[in-house]
C-alpha cells in the first residue's frame, strides 16, 4: 500500500464523514441557542409578563389558545411543544407561562414541579420560572397569558 493510496482513502473518509459531522454540529448549535431565539406562533405576541394569569373580566382573548385549563395539574405543568412554552398552575386557579427552552443550553424542560432540564439537570420553579438548581443561571422568560372560558391563551 502506497502513501498515495492512504492519502486518497483519508480524503474519501473525511469527505464521507463531513455530512455526519455537519449534522452533529447543527444539533449542538440548535441546543445551544439562547431562549430569546424562540419564535412565537405567527399572529401571537409573546411578551415577558409583568402580570401573567387572568386577563380583565370580559376581555376578548387576544392570542391563540395554548390548552384547556383542565389539562394543567394543580402544582404542575404542561409543555406546549408547538410554541416552545410551558404552562404551570402553581396553586389552583393561578396559571403562569414560560419559555420551555432552558436558559443554560437550549434543551426543552420537562413538565413537573420543579421544571427540569433533561440535558444538564437545571431546575426551575413553576411559580416564577426562577432557577432552583444550576447550571442555568437565568430564569425561564415569562410570557403574558390570559385565561378565558377555560382556555389558556397567549395575550
C-alpha atoms as a PDB file:
ATOM      1  CA  UNK A   1       0.000   0.000   0.000  1.00  0.00           C
ATOM      2  CA  UNK A   2       1.495   3.327  -1.037  1.00  0.00           C
ATOM      3  CA  UNK A   3       1.282   6.667   0.754  1.00  0.00           C
ATOM      4  CA  UNK A   4      -0.748   7.974  -2.220  1.00  0.00           C
ATOM      5  CA  UNK A   5      -3.494   5.373  -1.656  1.00  0.00           C
ATOM      6  CA  UNK A   6      -3.604   6.096   2.053  1.00  0.00           C
ATOM      7  CA  UNK A   7      -3.901   9.792   1.322  1.00  0.00           C
ATOM      8  CA  UNK A   8      -6.815   9.220  -1.059  1.00  0.00           C
ATOM      9  CA  UNK A   9      -8.536   6.990   1.493  1.00  0.00           C
ATOM     10  CA  UNK A  10      -8.137   9.655   4.172  1.00  0.00           C
ATOM     11  CA  UNK A  11      -9.627  12.260   1.851  1.00  0.00           C
ATOM     12  CA  UNK A  12     -12.520   9.972   0.859  1.00  0.00           C
ATOM     13  CA  UNK A  13     -13.181   9.132   4.526  1.00  0.00           C
ATOM     14  CA  UNK A  14     -13.120  12.803   5.507  1.00  0.00           C
ATOM     15  CA  UNK A  15     -15.430  13.801   2.657  1.00  0.00           C
ATOM     16  CA  UNK A  16     -17.817  10.957   3.505  1.00  0.00           C
ATOM     17  CA  UNK A  17     -17.905  11.935   7.191  1.00  0.00           C
ATOM     18  CA  UNK A  18     -18.452  15.652   6.534  1.00  0.00           C
ATOM     19  CA  UNK A  19     -22.275  15.473   6.287  1.00  0.00           C
ATOM     20  CA  UNK A  20     -22.433  13.499   9.544  1.00  0.00           C
ATOM     21  CA  UNK A  21     -20.218  15.982  11.341  1.00  0.00           C
ATOM     22  CA  UNK A  22     -22.228  18.903   9.942  1.00  0.00           C
ATOM     23  CA  UNK A  23     -25.449  17.327  11.217  1.00  0.00           C
ATOM     24  CA  UNK A  24     -23.957  16.891  14.689  1.00  0.00           C
ATOM     25  CA  UNK A  25     -22.772  20.499  14.656  1.00  0.00           C
ATOM     26  CA  UNK A  26     -26.224  21.725  13.639  1.00  0.00           C
ATOM     27  CA  UNK A  27     -27.829  19.788  16.502  1.00  0.00           C
ATOM     28  CA  UNK A  28     -25.330  21.198  19.003  1.00  0.00           C
ATOM     29  CA  UNK A  29     -25.949  24.719  17.693  1.00  0.00           C
ATOM     30  CA  UNK A  30     -29.716  24.208  17.995  1.00  0.00           C
ATOM     31  CA  UNK A  31     -29.410  23.027  21.576  1.00  0.00           C
ATOM     32  CA  UNK A  32     -27.117  25.917  22.459  1.00  0.00           C
ATOM     33  CA  UNK A  33     -29.457  28.547  21.003  1.00  0.00           C
ATOM     34  CA  UNK A  34     -30.443  31.167  23.578  1.00  0.00           C
ATOM     35  CA  UNK A  35     -34.034  31.218  24.828  1.00  0.00           C
ATOM     36  CA  UNK A  36     -34.547  34.598  23.133  1.00  0.00           C
ATOM     37  CA  UNK A  37     -34.356  32.851  19.753  1.00  0.00           C
ATOM     38  CA  UNK A  38     -37.706  31.112  20.340  1.00  0.00           C
ATOM     39  CA  UNK A  39     -40.109  32.308  17.651  1.00  0.00           C
ATOM     40  CA  UNK A  40     -43.726  32.777  18.735  1.00  0.00           C
ATOM     41  CA  UNK A  41     -46.593  31.411  16.658  1.00  0.00           C
ATOM     42  CA  UNK A  42     -47.425  33.812  13.779  1.00  0.00           C
ATOM     43  CA  UNK A  43     -50.087  36.268  14.856  1.00  0.00           C
ATOM     44  CA  UNK A  44     -49.296  35.780  18.537  1.00  0.00           C
ATOM     45  CA  UNK A  45     -47.416  38.276  20.600  1.00  0.00           C
ATOM     46  CA  UNK A  46     -45.186  36.802  23.238  1.00  0.00           C
ATOM     47  CA  UNK A  47     -44.049  39.316  25.819  1.00  0.00           C
ATOM     48  CA  UNK A  48     -42.277  38.946  29.101  1.00  0.00           C
ATOM     49  CA  UNK A  49     -45.106  39.184  31.590  1.00  0.00           C
ATOM     50  CA  UNK A  50     -45.429  41.592  34.448  1.00  0.00           C
ATOM     51  CA  UNK A  51     -48.860  40.211  35.321  1.00  0.00           C
ATOM     52  CA  UNK A  52     -49.471  36.783  33.849  1.00  0.00           C
ATOM     53  CA  UNK A  53     -52.653  34.971  34.648  1.00  0.00           C
ATOM     54  CA  UNK A  54     -56.188  36.134  34.161  1.00  0.00           C
ATOM     55  CA  UNK A  55     -56.985  38.938  31.757  1.00  0.00           C
ATOM     56  CA  UNK A  56     -59.538  41.674  32.554  1.00  0.00           C
ATOM     57  CA  UNK A  57     -63.052  40.340  33.188  1.00  0.00           C
ATOM     58  CA  UNK A  58     -64.994  40.035  29.951  1.00  0.00           C
ATOM     59  CA  UNK A  59     -61.932  40.792  27.835  1.00  0.00           C
ATOM     60  CA  UNK A  60     -61.805  39.017  24.499  1.00  0.00           C
ATOM     61  CA  UNK A  61     -58.905  36.594  24.135  1.00  0.00           C
ATOM     62  CA  UNK A  62     -56.074  38.068  22.085  1.00  0.00           C
ATOM     63  CA  UNK A  63     -53.797  35.230  21.085  1.00  0.00           C
ATOM     64  CA  UNK A  64     -54.129  31.590  20.133  1.00  0.00           C
ATOM     65  CA  UNK A  65     -55.355  29.037  22.619  1.00  0.00           C
ATOM     66  CA  UNK A  66     -52.496  27.058  24.158  1.00  0.00           C
ATOM     67  CA  UNK A  67     -54.574  24.481  26.036  1.00  0.00           C
ATOM     68  CA  UNK A  68     -57.567  23.980  28.310  1.00  0.00           C
ATOM     69  CA  UNK A  69     -57.116  24.950  31.952  1.00  0.00           C
ATOM     70  CA  UNK A  70     -58.253  21.425  32.894  1.00  0.00           C
ATOM     71  CA  UNK A  71     -55.133  19.996  31.230  1.00  0.00           C
ATOM     72  CA  UNK A  72     -52.768  21.726  33.669  1.00  0.00           C
ATOM     73  CA  UNK A  73     -52.479  19.907  37.005  1.00  0.00           C
ATOM     74  CA  UNK A  74     -52.514  21.977  40.194  1.00  0.00           C
ATOM     75  CA  UNK A  75     -48.908  22.141  41.377  1.00  0.00           C
ATOM     76  CA  UNK A  76     -47.671  21.012  37.964  1.00  0.00           C
ATOM     77  CA  UNK A  77     -47.117  21.986  34.356  1.00  0.00           C
ATOM     78  CA  UNK A  78     -47.726  21.084  30.726  1.00  0.00           C
ATOM     79  CA  UNK A  79     -45.228  21.687  27.912  1.00  0.00           C
ATOM     80  CA  UNK A  80     -46.803  23.152  24.757  1.00  0.00           C
ATOM     81  CA  UNK A  81     -44.150  21.935  22.318  1.00  0.00           C
ATOM     82  CA  UNK A  82     -45.530  23.665  19.210  1.00  0.00           C
ATOM     83  CA  UNK A  83     -44.944  27.087  20.817  1.00  0.00           C
ATOM     84  CA  UNK A  84     -41.875  26.161  22.926  1.00  0.00           C
ATOM     85  CA  UNK A  85     -43.804  27.132  26.057  1.00  0.00           C
ATOM     86  CA  UNK A  86     -44.661  25.564  29.394  1.00  0.00           C
ATOM     87  CA  UNK A  87     -47.890  26.447  31.228  1.00  0.00           C
ATOM     88  CA  UNK A  88     -47.925  25.983  35.005  1.00  0.00           C
ATOM     89  CA  UNK A  89     -50.560  26.074  37.742  1.00  0.00           C
ATOM     90  CA  UNK A  90     -48.633  26.624  40.987  1.00  0.00           C
ATOM     91  CA  UNK A  91     -51.867  26.914  43.016  1.00  0.00           C
ATOM     92  CA  UNK A  92     -55.465  26.262  41.998  1.00  0.00           C
ATOM     93  CA  UNK A  93     -56.667  28.864  39.507  1.00  0.00           C
ATOM     94  CA  UNK A  94     -53.292  30.609  39.044  1.00  0.00           C
ATOM     95  CA  UNK A  95     -51.717  29.974  35.644  1.00  0.00           C
ATOM     96  CA  UNK A  96     -48.263  31.070  34.504  1.00  0.00           C
ATOM     97  CA  UNK A  97     -46.446  30.625  31.214  1.00  0.00           C
ATOM     98  CA  UNK A  98     -42.727  30.489  30.471  1.00  0.00           C
ATOM     99  CA  UNK A  99     -40.437  29.611  27.608  1.00  0.00           C
ATOM    100  CA  UNK A 100     -39.816  25.857  27.763  1.00  0.00           C
ATOM    101  CA  UNK A 101     -36.273  26.384  26.473  1.00  0.00           C
ATOM    102  CA  UNK A 102     -33.657  26.012  29.209  1.00  0.00           C
ATOM    103  CA  UNK A 103     -31.564  29.156  29.557  1.00  0.00           C
ATOM    104  CA  UNK A 104     -28.398  27.098  30.016  1.00  0.00           C
ATOM    105  CA  UNK A 105     -28.071  25.029  26.832  1.00  0.00           C
ATOM    106  CA  UNK A 106     -31.366  25.386  24.962  1.00  0.00           C
ATOM    107  CA  UNK A 107     -32.923  21.994  25.754  1.00  0.00           C
ATOM    108  CA  UNK A 108     -36.658  21.681  26.392  1.00  0.00           C
ATOM    109  CA  UNK A 109     -37.576  21.413  30.076  1.00  0.00           C
ATOM    110  CA  UNK A 110     -39.785  18.575  31.292  1.00  0.00           C
ATOM    111  CA  UNK A 111     -43.174  19.315  32.841  1.00  0.00           C
ATOM    112  CA  UNK A 112     -43.417  18.736  36.550  1.00  0.00           C
ATOM    113  CA  UNK A 113     -42.628  20.518  39.764  1.00  0.00           C
ATOM    114  CA  UNK A 114     -39.983  21.690  39.514  1.00  0.00           C
ATOM    115  CA  UNK A 115     -39.431  22.065  35.776  1.00  0.00           C
ATOM    116  CA  UNK A 116     -36.315  20.027  34.987  1.00  0.00           C
ATOM    117  CA  UNK A 117     -33.930  20.288  32.048  1.00  0.00           C
ATOM    118  CA  UNK A 118     -33.008  16.747  30.973  1.00  0.00           C
ATOM    119  CA  UNK A 119     -29.690  17.831  29.449  1.00  0.00           C
ATOM    120  CA  UNK A 120     -27.785  19.073  32.491  1.00  0.00           C
ATOM    121  CA  UNK A 121     -30.245  18.919  35.394  1.00  0.00           C
ATOM    122  CA  UNK A 122     -31.166  22.586  35.815  1.00  0.00           C
ATOM    123  CA  UNK A 123     -34.372  23.053  37.808  1.00  0.00           C
ATOM    124  CA  UNK A 124     -36.843  25.938  37.589  1.00  0.00           C
ATOM    125  CA  UNK A 125     -39.735  26.963  39.880  1.00  0.00           C
ATOM    126  CA  UNK A 126     -43.228  26.577  38.426  1.00  0.00           C
ATOM    127  CA  UNK A 127     -44.411  29.745  40.225  1.00  0.00           C
ATOM    128  CA  UNK A 128     -41.995  32.213  38.656  1.00  0.00           C
ATOM    129  CA  UNK A 129     -39.510  30.364  36.405  1.00  0.00           C
ATOM    130  CA  UNK A 130     -36.623  31.160  38.759  1.00  0.00           C
ATOM    131  CA  UNK A 131     -33.575  28.904  38.877  1.00  0.00           C
ATOM    132  CA  UNK A 132     -33.720  26.433  41.760  1.00  0.00           C
ATOM    133  CA  UNK A 133     -30.630  24.462  40.736  1.00  0.00           C
ATOM    134  CA  UNK A 134     -27.973  25.134  38.090  1.00  0.00           C
ATOM    135  CA  UNK A 135     -26.065  25.035  35.899  1.00  0.00           C
ATOM    136  CA  UNK A 136     -28.618  27.514  34.463  1.00  0.00           C
ATOM    137  CA  UNK A 137     -28.093  30.977  35.936  1.00  0.00           C
ATOM    138  CA  UNK A 138     -31.009  32.796  34.279  1.00  0.00           C
ATOM    139  CA  UNK A 139     -34.728  32.189  34.929  1.00  0.00           C
ATOM    140  CA  UNK A 140     -37.080  30.992  32.198  1.00  0.00           C
ATOM    141  CA  UNK A 141     -38.540  34.019  30.368  1.00  0.00           C
ATOM    142  CA  UNK A 142     -42.190  34.526  31.267  1.00  0.00           C
ATOM    143  CA  UNK A 143     -44.872  35.031  28.609  1.00  0.00           C
ATOM    144  CA  UNK A 144     -48.070  37.033  29.016  1.00  0.00           C
ATOM    145  CA  UNK A 145     -51.205  34.866  29.006  1.00  0.00           C
ATOM    146  CA  UNK A 146     -54.922  35.288  29.548  1.00  0.00           C
ATOM    147  CA  UNK A 147     -57.344  32.727  30.955  1.00  0.00           C
ATOM    148  CA  UNK A 148     -60.779  32.960  29.342  1.00  0.00           C
ATOM    149  CA  UNK A 149     -63.644  30.443  29.184  1.00  0.00           C
ATOM    150  CA  UNK A 150     -61.496  27.564  30.430  1.00  0.00           C
ATOM    151  CA  UNK A 151     -58.663  28.210  27.972  1.00  0.00           C
ATOM    152  CA  UNK A 152     -55.135  29.487  28.469  1.00  0.00           C
ATOM    153  CA  UNK A 153     -54.239  31.855  25.626  1.00  0.00           C
ATOM    154  CA  UNK A 154     -51.267  33.983  24.730  1.00  0.00           C
ATOM    155  CA  UNK A 155     -52.165  37.600  25.492  1.00  0.00           C
END
